[in-house]
Amino acid sequence: MGKLGGGDLNYSSDIDLIYVYDASAEEAGAAHGRYQKLGRRLTSLLADHTAEGYLYRVDMRLRPMGGGGNLVYSLKQSAQYYESLGETFERFAMLKARPIAGD
């Protein structure tokens, strides 16, 4: 999303990320916990300050429900959110979204 999704990333850009996973109904509960943990770890690796600085400033506020929601959502939950509850600016931001990992 944002400049990362649009291929316009520069030295002062933050990166806007959303984490979406695809899991069957049977494995949804276990998958959510697993991906929630993975999302926290990835965000930490990208954004935590170290002696050398940080890799990126990470903005997770464009995910469904913004900063007050879960860190990760299933593909089905994400689609339902953007179809029915998503604000116009959130839908517009999805125009620049592109996958950077996974299938």
PDB file of N, CA and C in Angstrom:
ATOM      1  N   MET A   1       0.841  -1.164   0.000  1.00  0.00           N
ATOM      2  CA  MET A   1       0.000   0.000   0.000  1.00  0.00           C
ATOM      3  C   MET A   1       0.888   1.230   0.000  1.00  0.00           C
ATOM      4  N   GLY A   2       0.326   2.360  -0.224  1.00  0.00           N
ATOM      5  CA  GLY A   2       1.081   3.602  -0.180  1.00  0.00           C
ATOM      6  C   GLY A   2       2.214   3.621  -1.189  1.00  0.00           C
ATOM      7  N   LYS A   3       3.300   4.274  -0.809  1.00  0.00           N
ATOM      8  CA  LYS A   3       4.438   4.404  -1.722  1.00  0.00           C
ATOM      9  C   LYS A   3       5.110   3.066  -2.006  1.00  0.00           C
ATOM     10  N   LEU A   4       5.123   2.175  -1.041  1.00  0.00           N
ATOM     11  CA  LEU A   4       5.690   0.845  -1.276  1.00  0.00           C
ATOM     12  C   LEU A   4       4.886   0.119  -2.349  1.00  0.00           C
ATOM     13  N   GLY A   5       3.577   0.111  -2.221  1.00  0.00           N
ATOM     14  CA  GLY A   5       2.718  -0.557  -3.196  1.00  0.00           C
ATOM     15  C   GLY A   5       2.763   0.083  -4.569  1.00  0.00           C
ATOM     16  N   GLY A   6       2.934   1.407  -4.595  1.00  0.00           N
ATOM     17  CA  GLY A   6       2.978   2.119  -5.863  1.00  0.00           C
ATOM     18  C   GLY A   6       4.355   2.167  -6.494  1.00  0.00           C
ATOM     19  N   GLY A   7       5.343   1.585  -5.836  1.00  0.00           N
ATOM     20  CA  GLY A   7       6.701   1.585  -6.370  1.00  0.00           C
ATOM     21  C   GLY A   7       7.387   2.936  -6.261  1.00  0.00           C
ATOM     22  N   ASP A   8       6.945   3.786  -5.324  1.00  0.00           N
ATOM     23  CA  ASP A   8       7.490   5.131  -5.164  1.00  0.00           C
ATOM     24  C   ASP A   8       8.247   5.309  -3.855  1.00  0.00           C
ATOM     25  N   LEU A   9       8.720   4.241  -3.267  1.00  0.00           N
ATOM     26  CA  LEU A   9       9.386   4.303  -1.970  1.00  0.00           C
ATOM     27  C   LEU A   9      10.657   5.138  -2.068  1.00  0.00           C
ATOM     28  N   ASN A  10      10.863   6.021  -1.085  1.00  0.00           N
ATOM     29  CA  ASN A  10      12.093   6.808  -1.040  1.00  0.00           C
ATOM     30  C   ASN A  10      12.674   6.733   0.370  1.00  0.00           C
ATOM     31  N   TYR A  11      13.751   7.452   0.612  1.00  0.00           N
ATOM     32  CA  TYR A  11      14.454   7.340   1.894  1.00  0.00           C
ATOM     33  C   TYR A  11      13.630   7.813   3.082  1.00  0.00           C
ATOM     34  N   SER A  12      12.702   8.711   2.874  1.00  0.00           N
ATOM     35  CA  SER A  12      11.923   9.223   4.003  1.00  0.00           C
ATOM     36  C   SER A  12      10.547   8.579   4.121  1.00  0.00           C
ATOM     37  N   SER A  13      10.238   7.616   3.260  1.00  0.00           N
ATOM     38  CA  SER A  13       8.914   6.985   3.265  1.00  0.00           C
ATOM     39  C   SER A  13       8.750   6.016   4.425  1.00  0.00           C
ATOM     40  N   ASP A  14       7.523   5.994   4.958  1.00  0.00           N
ATOM     41  CA  ASP A  14       7.173   4.882   5.833  1.00  0.00           C
ATOM     42  C   ASP A  14       6.554   3.818   4.933  1.00  0.00           C
ATOM     43  N   ILE A  15       6.367   2.631   5.458  1.00  0.00           N
ATOM     44  CA  ILE A  15       5.710   1.595   4.666  1.00  0.00           C
ATOM     45  C   ILE A  15       4.378   1.257   5.326  1.00  0.00           C
ATOM     46  N   ASP A  16       3.327   1.266   4.517  1.00  0.00           N
ATOM     47  CA  ASP A  16       1.982   0.922   4.968  1.00  0.00           C
ATOM     48  C   ASP A  16       1.772  -0.552   4.682  1.00  0.00           C
ATOM     49  N   LEU A  17       1.524  -1.326   5.728  1.00  0.00           N
ATOM     50  CA  LEU A  17       1.357  -2.768   5.575  1.00  0.00           C
ATOM     51  C   LEU A  17       0.019  -3.220   6.139  1.00  0.00           C
ATOM     52  N   ILE A  18      -0.542  -4.255   5.534  1.00  0.00           N
ATOM     53  CA  ILE A  18      -1.627  -5.018   6.135  1.00  0.00           C
ATOM     54  C   ILE A  18      -1.230  -6.480   5.994  1.00  0.00           C
ATOM     55  N   TYR A  19      -1.565  -7.270   6.985  1.00  0.00           N
ATOM     56  CA  TYR A  19      -1.242  -8.695   6.962  1.00  0.00           C
ATOM     57  C   TYR A  19      -2.529  -9.483   6.760  1.00  0.00           C
ATOM     58  N   VAL A  20      -2.571 -10.266   5.684  1.00  0.00           N
ATOM     59  CA  VAL A  20      -3.745 -11.066   5.331  1.00  0.00           C
ATOM     60  C   VAL A  20      -3.285 -12.501   5.115  1.00  0.00           C
ATOM     61  N   TYR A  21      -4.031 -13.453   5.674  1.00  0.00           N
ATOM     62  CA  TYR A  21      -3.708 -14.863   5.484  1.00  0.00           C
ATOM     63  C   TYR A  21      -4.928 -15.583   4.937  1.00  0.00           C
ATOM     64  N   ASP A  22      -4.693 -16.696   4.283  1.00  0.00           N
ATOM     65  CA  ASP A  22      -5.768 -17.524   3.743  1.00  0.00           C
ATOM     66  C   ASP A  22      -5.737 -18.856   4.470  1.00  0.00           C
ATOM     67  N   ALA A  23      -6.827 -19.188   5.127  1.00  0.00           N
ATOM     68  CA  ALA A  23      -6.913 -20.448   5.872  1.00  0.00           C
ATOM     69  C   ALA A  23      -8.325 -20.992   5.750  1.00  0.00           C
ATOM     70  N   SER A  24      -8.438 -22.298   5.757  1.00  0.00           N
ATOM     71  CA  SER A  24      -9.759 -22.923   5.714  1.00  0.00           C
ATOM     72  C   SER A  24     -10.477 -22.675   7.036  1.00  0.00           C
ATOM     73  N   ALA A  25     -11.782 -22.869   7.033  1.00  0.00           N
ATOM     74  CA  ALA A  25     -12.581 -22.656   8.248  1.00  0.00           C
ATOM     75  C   ALA A  25     -12.110 -23.550   9.388  1.00  0.00           C
ATOM     76  N   GLU A  26     -11.670 -24.768   9.062  1.00  0.00           N
ATOM     77  CA  GLU A  26     -11.233 -25.714  10.092  1.00  0.00           C
ATOM     78  C   GLU A  26      -9.979 -25.248  10.820  1.00  0.00           C
ATOM     79  N   GLU A  27      -9.088 -24.584  10.106  1.00  0.00           N
ATOM     80  CA  GLU A  27      -7.824 -24.178  10.726  1.00  0.00           C
ATOM     81  C   GLU A  27      -7.771 -22.688  11.044  1.00  0.00           C
ATOM     82  N   ALA A  28      -8.883 -21.985  10.927  1.00  0.00           N
ATOM     83  CA  ALA A  28      -8.896 -20.531  11.100  1.00  0.00           C
ATOM     84  C   ALA A  28      -8.421 -20.093  12.483  1.00  0.00           C
ATOM     85  N   GLY A  29      -8.880 -20.740  13.543  1.00  0.00           N
ATOM     86  CA  GLY A  29      -8.495 -20.341  14.898  1.00  0.00           C
ATOM     87  C   GLY A  29      -7.010 -20.467  15.151  1.00  0.00           C
ATOM     88  N   ALA A  30      -6.458 -21.615  14.829  1.00  0.00           N
ATOM     89  CA  ALA A  30      -5.024 -21.836  15.029  1.00  0.00           C
ATOM     90  C   ALA A  30      -4.205 -20.944  14.105  1.00  0.00           C
ATOM     91  N   ALA A  31      -4.677 -20.770  12.879  1.00  0.00           N
ATOM     92  CA  ALA A  31      -3.949 -19.946  11.915  1.00  0.00           C
ATOM     93  C   ALA A  31      -3.902 -18.495  12.373  1.00  0.00           C
ATOM     94  N   HIS A  32      -5.009 -17.999  12.906  1.00  0.00           N
ATOM     95  CA  HIS A  32      -5.039 -16.600  13.336  1.00  0.00           C
ATOM     96  C   HIS A  32      -3.979 -16.337  14.405  1.00  0.00           C
ATOM     97  N   GLY A  33      -3.895 -17.186  15.402  1.00  0.00           N
ATOM     98  CA  GLY A  33      -2.892 -17.015  16.448  1.00  0.00           C
ATOM     99  C   GLY A  33      -1.474 -17.080  15.911  1.00  0.00           C
ATOM    100  N   ARG A  34      -1.242 -18.015  15.016  1.00  0.00           N
ATOM    101  CA  ARG A  34       0.078 -18.186  14.408  1.00  0.00           C
ATOM    102  C   ARG A  34       0.466 -16.944  13.596  1.00  0.00           C
ATOM    103  N   TYR A  35      -0.461 -16.446  12.788  1.00  0.00           N
ATOM    104  CA  TYR A  35      -0.159 -15.288  11.944  1.00  0.00           C
ATOM    105  C   TYR A  35      -0.112 -13.991  12.739  1.00  0.00           C
ATOM    106  N   GLN A  36      -0.866 -13.916  13.820  1.00  0.00           N
ATOM    107  CA  GLN A  36      -0.797 -12.748  14.700  1.00  0.00           C
ATOM    108  C   GLN A  36       0.618 -12.641  15.279  1.00  0.00           C
ATOM    109  N   LYS A  37       1.147 -13.761  15.738  1.00  0.00           N
ATOM    110  CA  LYS A  37       2.508 -13.796  16.294  1.00  0.00           C
ATOM    111  C   LYS A  37       3.539 -13.454  15.215  1.00  0.00           C
ATOM    112  N   LEU A  38       3.378 -14.020  14.027  1.00  0.00           N
ATOM    113  CA  LEU A  38       4.289 -13.740  12.917  1.00  0.00           C
ATOM    114  C   LEU A  38       4.237 -12.264  12.525  1.00  0.00           C
ATOM    115  N   GLY A  39       3.046 -11.689  12.494  1.00  0.00           N
ATOM    116  CA  GLY A  39       2.894 -10.277  12.155  1.00  0.00           C
ATOM    117  C   GLY A  39       3.592  -9.368  13.151  1.00  0.00           C
ATOM    118  N   ARG A  40       3.439  -9.669  14.436  1.00  0.00           N
ATOM    119  CA  ARG A  40       4.127  -8.877  15.465  1.00  0.00           C
ATOM    120  C   ARG A  40       5.641  -8.969  15.299  1.00  0.00           C
ATOM    121  N   ARG A  41       6.123 -10.176  15.024  1.00  0.00           N
ATOM    122  CA  ARG A  41       7.573 -10.380  14.871  1.00  0.00           C
ATOM    123  C   ARG A  41       8.108  -9.640  13.644  1.00  0.00           C
ATOM    124  N   LEU A  42       7.401  -9.738  12.533  1.00  0.00           N
ATOM    125  CA  LEU A  42       7.836  -9.063  11.309  1.00  0.00           C
ATOM    126  C   LEU A  42       7.843  -7.548  11.497  1.00  0.00           C
ATOM    127  N   THR A  43       6.793  -7.018  12.093  1.00  0.00           N
ATOM    128  CA  THR A  43       6.735  -5.575  12.342  1.00  0.00           C
ATOM    129  C   THR A  43       7.886  -5.146  13.237  1.00  0.00           C
ATOM    130  N   SER A  44       8.187  -5.944  14.246  1.00  0.00           N
ATOM    131  CA  SER A  44       9.292  -5.650  15.148  1.00  0.00           C
ATOM    132  C   SER A  44      10.629  -5.655  14.407  1.00  0.00           C
ATOM    133  N   LEU A  45      10.852  -6.651  13.573  1.00  0.00           N
ATOM    134  CA  LEU A  45      12.107  -6.728  12.813  1.00  0.00           C
ATOM    135  C   LEU A  45      12.278  -5.529  11.886  1.00  0.00           C
ATOM    136  N   LEU A  46      11.200  -5.060  11.314  1.00  0.00           N
ATOM    137  CA  LEU A  46      11.265  -3.942  10.375  1.00  0.00           C
ATOM    138  C   LEU A  46      11.401  -2.589  11.065  1.00  0.00           C
ATOM    139  N   ALA A  47      10.768  -2.431  12.230  1.00  0.00           N
ATOM    140  CA  ALA A  47      10.608  -1.089  12.785  1.00  0.00           C
ATOM    141  C   ALA A  47      11.318  -0.814  14.103  1.00  0.00           C
ATOM    142  N   ASP A  48      11.737  -1.834  14.834  1.00  0.00           N
ATOM    143  CA  ASP A  48      12.364  -1.575  16.134  1.00  0.00           C
ATOM    144  C   ASP A  48      13.704  -0.863  15.970  1.00  0.00           C
ATOM    145  N   HIS A  49      13.959   0.068  16.873  1.00  0.00           N
ATOM    146  CA  HIS A  49      15.230   0.794  16.864  1.00  0.00           C
ATOM    147  C   HIS A  49      16.331  -0.089  17.446  1.00  0.00           C
ATOM    148  N   THR A  50      17.460  -0.106  16.774  1.00  0.00           N
ATOM    149  CA  THR A  50      18.645  -0.823  17.241  1.00  0.00           C
ATOM    150  C   THR A  50      19.794   0.175  17.329  1.00  0.00           C
ATOM    151  N   ALA A  51      20.978  -0.296  17.642  1.00  0.00           N
ATOM    152  CA  ALA A  51      22.148   0.581  17.691  1.00  0.00           C
ATOM    153  C   ALA A  51      22.426   1.207  16.327  1.00  0.00           C
ATOM    154  N   GLU A  52      22.039   0.507  15.263  1.00  0.00           N
ATOM    155  CA  GLU A  52      22.259   1.012  13.907  1.00  0.00           C
ATOM    156  C   GLU A  52      21.091   1.844  13.385  1.00  0.00           C
ATOM    157  N   GLY A  53      20.028   1.958  14.145  1.00  0.00           N
ATOM    158  CA  GLY A  53      18.828   2.674  13.693  1.00  0.00           C
ATOM    159  C   GLY A  53      17.697   1.680  13.465  1.00  0.00           C
ATOM    160  N   TYR A  54      16.878   1.940  12.475  1.00  0.00           N
ATOM    161  CA  TYR A  54      15.778   1.035  12.141  1.00  0.00           C
ATOM    162  C   TYR A  54      15.726   0.862  10.631  1.00  0.00           C
ATOM    163  N   LEU A  55      15.092  -0.195  10.190  1.00  0.00           N
ATOM    164  CA  LEU A  55      15.013  -0.475   8.763  1.00  0.00           C
ATOM    165  C   LEU A  55      13.957   0.391   8.090  1.00  0.00           C
ATOM    166  N   TYR A  56      12.731   0.371   8.616  1.00  0.00           N
ATOM    167  CA  TYR A  56      11.627   1.165   8.065  1.00  0.00           C
ATOM    168  C   TYR A  56      10.767   1.705   9.192  1.00  0.00           C
ATOM    169  N   ARG A  57      10.075   2.784   8.904  1.00  0.00           N
ATOM    170  CA  ARG A  57       8.972   3.209   9.756  1.00  0.00           C
ATOM    171  C   ARG A  57       7.750   2.480   9.219  1.00  0.00           C
ATOM    172  N   VAL A  58       7.096   1.705  10.051  1.00  0.00           N
ATOM    173  CA  VAL A  58       5.976   0.868   9.617  1.00  0.00           C
ATOM    174  C   VAL A  58       4.669   1.479  10.112  1.00  0.00           C
ATOM    175  N   ASP A  59       3.727   1.637   9.193  1.00  0.00           N
ATOM    176  CA  ASP A  59       2.399   2.157   9.518  1.00  0.00           C
ATOM    177  C   ASP A  59       1.387   1.045   9.282  1.00  0.00           C
ATOM    178  N   MET A  60       0.742   0.615  10.344  1.00  0.00           N
ATOM    179  CA  MET A  60      -0.242  -0.469  10.262  1.00  0.00           C
ATOM    180  C   MET A  60      -1.677   0.049  10.376  1.00  0.00           C
ATOM    181  N   ARG A  61      -1.886   1.350  10.302  1.00  0.00           N
ATOM    182  CA  ARG A  61      -3.213   1.915  10.544  1.00  0.00           C
ATOM    183  C   ARG A  61      -4.201   1.708   9.402  1.00  0.00           C
ATOM    184  N   LEU A  62      -3.757   1.278   8.236  1.00  0.00           N
ATOM    185  CA  LEU A  62      -4.683   1.060   7.122  1.00  0.00           C
ATOM    186  C   LEU A  62      -5.289  -0.333   7.112  1.00  0.00           C
ATOM    187  N   ARG A  63      -4.963  -1.151   8.095  1.00  0.00           N
ATOM    188  CA  ARG A  63      -5.561  -2.484   8.170  1.00  0.00           C
ATOM    189  C   ARG A  63      -7.031  -2.356   8.575  1.00  0.00           C
ATOM    190  N   PRO A  64      -7.827  -3.391   8.365  1.00  0.00           N
ATOM    191  CA  PRO A  64      -9.230  -3.325   8.796  1.00  0.00           C
ATOM    192  C   PRO A  64      -9.338  -2.926  10.265  1.00  0.00           C
ATOM    193  N   MET A  65     -10.207  -2.011  10.552  1.00  0.00           N
ATOM    194  CA  MET A  65     -10.466  -1.459  11.892  1.00  0.00           C
ATOM    195  C   MET A  65      -9.316  -0.590  12.401  1.00  0.00           C
ATOM    196  N   GLY A  66      -8.348  -0.286  11.553  1.00  0.00           N
ATOM    197  CA  GLY A  66      -7.263   0.613  11.922  1.00  0.00           C
ATOM    198  C   GLY A  66      -6.449   0.132  13.103  1.00  0.00           C
ATOM    199  N   GLY A  67      -5.924   1.076  13.865  1.00  0.00           N
ATOM    200  CA  GLY A  67      -5.073   0.745  15.003  1.00  0.00           C
ATOM    201  C   GLY A  67      -5.797   0.029  16.127  1.00  0.00           C
ATOM    202  N   GLY A  68      -7.132   0.053  16.131  1.00  0.00           N
ATOM    203  CA  GLY A  68      -7.887  -0.605  17.184  1.00  0.00           C
ATOM    204  C   GLY A  68      -8.246  -2.040  16.878  1.00  0.00           C
ATOM    205  N   GLY A  69      -7.912  -2.509  15.675  1.00  0.00           N
ATOM    206  CA  GLY A  69      -8.266  -3.867  15.282  1.00  0.00           C
ATOM    207  C   GLY A  69      -7.132  -4.851  15.469  1.00  0.00           C
ATOM    208  N   ASN A  70      -7.375  -6.070  15.028  1.00  0.00           N
ATOM    209  CA  ASN A  70      -6.333  -7.098  15.060  1.00  0.00           C
ATOM    210  C   ASN A  70      -5.190  -6.715  14.131  1.00  0.00           C
ATOM    211  N   LEU A  71      -4.044  -7.300  14.354  1.00  0.00           N
ATOM    212  CA  LEU A  71      -2.896  -7.047  13.489  1.00  0.00           C
ATOM    213  C   LEU A  71      -3.032  -7.806  12.175  1.00  0.00           C
ATOM    214  N   VAL A  72      -3.634  -8.981  12.206  1.00  0.00           N
ATOM    215  CA  VAL A  72      -3.822  -9.799  11.000  1.00  0.00           C
ATOM    216  C   VAL A  72      -5.295 -10.165  10.853  1.00  0.00           C
ATOM    217  N   TYR A  73      -5.703 -10.358   9.604  1.00  0.00           N
ATOM    218  CA  TYR A  73      -7.069 -10.781   9.297  1.00  0.00           C
ATOM    219  C   TYR A  73      -7.021 -11.838   8.210  1.00  0.00           C
ATOM    220  N   SER A  74      -8.021 -12.697   8.217  1.00  0.00           N
ATOM    221  CA  SER A  74      -8.118 -13.681   7.139  1.00  0.00           C
ATOM    222  C   SER A  74      -8.523 -12.957   5.858  1.00  0.00           C
ATOM    223  N   LEU A  75      -8.290 -13.606   4.743  1.00  0.00           N
ATOM    224  CA  LEU A  75      -8.675 -13.047   3.450  1.00  0.00           C
ATOM    225  C   LEU A  75     -10.174 -12.775   3.417  1.00  0.00           C
ATOM    226  N   LYS A  76     -10.953 -13.709   3.937  1.00  0.00           N
ATOM    227  CA  LYS A  76     -12.412 -13.558   3.962  1.00  0.00           C
ATOM    228  C   LYS A  76     -12.827 -12.362   4.823  1.00  0.00           C
ATOM    229  N   GLN A  77     -12.248 -12.233   6.015  1.00  0.00           N
ATOM    230  CA  GLN A  77     -12.572 -11.107   6.892  1.00  0.00           C
ATOM    231  C   GLN A  77     -12.193  -9.775   6.247  1.00  0.00           C
ATOM    232  N   SER A  78     -11.040  -9.745   5.604  1.00  0.00           N
ATOM    233  CA  SER A  78     -10.584  -8.515   4.956  1.00  0.00           C
ATOM    234  C   SER A  78     -11.529  -8.106   3.837  1.00  0.00           C
ATOM    235  N   ALA A  79     -11.906  -9.060   2.999  1.00  0.00           N
ATOM    236  CA  ALA A  79     -12.819  -8.760   1.892  1.00  0.00           C
ATOM    237  C   ALA A  79     -14.158  -8.259   2.418  1.00  0.00           C
ATOM    238  N   GLN A  80     -14.686  -8.902   3.453  1.00  0.00           N
ATOM    239  CA  GLN A  80     -15.960  -8.466   4.032  1.00  0.00           C
ATOM    240  C   GLN A  80     -15.854  -7.051   4.595  1.00  0.00           C
ATOM    241  N   TYR A  81     -14.754  -6.750   5.248  1.00  0.00           N
ATOM    242  CA  TYR A  81     -14.572  -5.417   5.820  1.00  0.00           C
ATOM    243  C   TYR A  81     -14.566  -4.354   4.722  1.00  0.00           C
ATOM    244  N   TYR A  82     -13.728  -4.539   3.711  1.00  0.00           N
ATOM    245  CA  TYR A  82     -13.616  -3.518   2.673  1.00  0.00           C
ATOM    246  C   TYR A  82     -14.884  -3.402   1.832  1.00  0.00           C
ATOM    247  N   GLU A  83     -15.642  -4.483   1.703  1.00  0.00           N
ATOM    248  CA  GLU A  83     -16.899  -4.436   0.954  1.00  0.00           C
ATOM    249  C   GLU A  83     -18.003  -3.721   1.717  1.00  0.00           C
ATOM    250  N   SER A  84     -18.058  -3.897   3.040  1.00  0.00           N
ATOM    251  CA  SER A  84     -19.213  -3.383   3.777  1.00  0.00           C
ATOM    252  C   SER A  84     -18.903  -2.259   4.769  1.00  0.00           C
ATOM    253  N   LEU A  85     -17.768  -2.276   5.408  1.00  0.00           N
ATOM    254  CA  LEU A  85     -17.476  -1.303   6.461  1.00  0.00           C
ATOM    255  C   LEU A  85     -16.380  -0.307   6.102  1.00  0.00           C
ATOM    256  N   GLY A  86     -15.571  -0.630   5.126  1.00  0.00           N
ATOM    257  CA  GLY A  86     -14.421   0.203   4.797  1.00  0.00           C
ATOM    258  C   GLY A  86     -14.813   1.601   4.356  1.00  0.00           C
ATOM    259  N   GLU A  87     -14.087   2.575   4.858  1.00  0.00           N
ATOM    260  CA  GLU A  87     -14.295   3.964   4.454  1.00  0.00           C
ATOM    261  C   GLU A  87     -13.774   4.160   3.033  1.00  0.00           C
ATOM    262  N   THR A  88     -14.208   5.226   2.400  1.00  0.00           N
ATOM    263  CA  THR A  88     -13.792   5.511   1.028  1.00  0.00           C
ATOM    264  C   THR A  88     -12.277   5.610   0.925  1.00  0.00           C
ATOM    265  N   PHE A  89     -11.623   6.296   1.870  1.00  0.00           N
ATOM    266  CA  PHE A  89     -10.168   6.440   1.799  1.00  0.00           C
ATOM    267  C   PHE A  89      -9.458   5.097   1.953  1.00  0.00           C
ATOM    268  N   GLU A  90     -10.047   4.169   2.725  1.00  0.00           N
ATOM    269  CA  GLU A  90      -9.448   2.842   2.886  1.00  0.00           C
ATOM    270  C   GLU A  90      -9.554   2.054   1.583  1.00  0.00           C
ATOM    271  N   ARG A  91     -10.678   2.143   0.941  1.00  0.00           N
ATOM    272  CA  ARG A  91     -10.860   1.462  -0.346  1.00  0.00           C
ATOM    273  C   ARG A  91      -9.930   2.059  -1.393  1.00  0.00           C
ATOM    274  N   PHE A  92      -9.802   3.371  -1.375  1.00  0.00           N
ATOM    275  CA  PHE A  92      -8.904   4.035  -2.311  1.00  0.00           C
ATOM    276  C   PHE A  92      -7.461   3.587  -2.083  1.00  0.00           C
ATOM    277  N   ALA A  93      -7.059   3.442  -0.822  1.00  0.00           N
ATOM    278  CA  ALA A  93      -5.697   2.998  -0.504  1.00  0.00           C
ATOM    279  C   ALA A  93      -5.431   1.600  -1.049  1.00  0.00           C
ATOM    280  N   MET A  94      -6.469   0.776  -1.138  1.00  0.00           N
ATOM    281  CA  MET A  94      -6.302  -0.584  -1.658  1.00  0.00           C
ATOM    282  C   MET A  94      -5.918  -0.595  -3.139  1.00  0.00           C
ATOM    283  N   LEU A  95      -6.164   0.504  -3.849  1.00  0.00           N
ATOM    284  CA  LEU A  95      -5.776   0.572  -5.260  1.00  0.00           C
ATOM    285  C   LEU A  95      -4.270   0.421  -5.433  1.00  0.00           C
ATOM    286  N   LYS A  96      -3.510   0.846  -4.436  1.00  0.00           N
ATOM    287  CA  LYS A  96      -2.050   0.739  -4.504  1.00  0.00           C
ATOM    288  C   LYS A  96      -1.513  -0.497  -3.791  1.00  0.00           C
ATOM    289  N   ALA A  97      -2.398  -1.336  -3.297  1.00  0.00           N
ATOM    290  CA  ALA A  97      -1.954  -2.530  -2.574  1.00  0.00           C
ATOM    291  C   ALA A  97      -1.395  -3.560  -3.544  1.00  0.00           C
ATOM    292  N   ARG A  98      -0.368  -4.238  -3.104  1.00  0.00           N
ATOM    293  CA  ARG A  98       0.173  -5.357  -3.881  1.00  0.00           C
ATOM    294  C   ARG A  98       0.797  -6.349  -2.913  1.00  0.00           C
ATOM    295  N   PRO A  99       0.736  -7.627  -3.260  1.00  0.00           N
ATOM    296  CA  PRO A  99       1.337  -8.628  -2.371  1.00  0.00           C
ATOM    297  C   PRO A  99       2.862  -8.543  -2.419  1.00  0.00           C
ATOM    298  N   ILE A 100       3.481  -8.704  -1.265  1.00  0.00           N
ATOM    299  CA  ILE A 100       4.943  -8.719  -1.233  1.00  0.00           C
ATOM    300  C   ILE A 100       5.485 -10.030  -0.685  1.00  0.00           C
ATOM    301  N   ALA A 101       4.588 -10.935  -0.299  1.00  0.00           N
ATOM    302  CA  ALA A 101       4.999 -12.263   0.162  1.00  0.00           C
ATOM    303  C   ALA A 101       3.821 -13.205   0.025  1.00  0.00           C
ATOM    304  N   GLY A 102       4.090 -14.474  -0.055  1.00  0.00           N
ATOM    305  CA  GLY A 102       3.022 -15.468  -0.112  1.00  0.00           C
ATOM    306  C   GLY A 102       2.653 -15.855  -1.526  1.00  0.00           C
ATOM    307  N   ASP A 103       1.483 -16.476  -1.630  1.00  0.00           N
ATOM    308  CA  ASP A 103       1.021 -16.976  -2.930  1.00  0.00           C
ATOM    309  C   ASP A 103       0.400 -15.877  -3.755  1.00  0.00           C
TER     310      ASP A 103
END
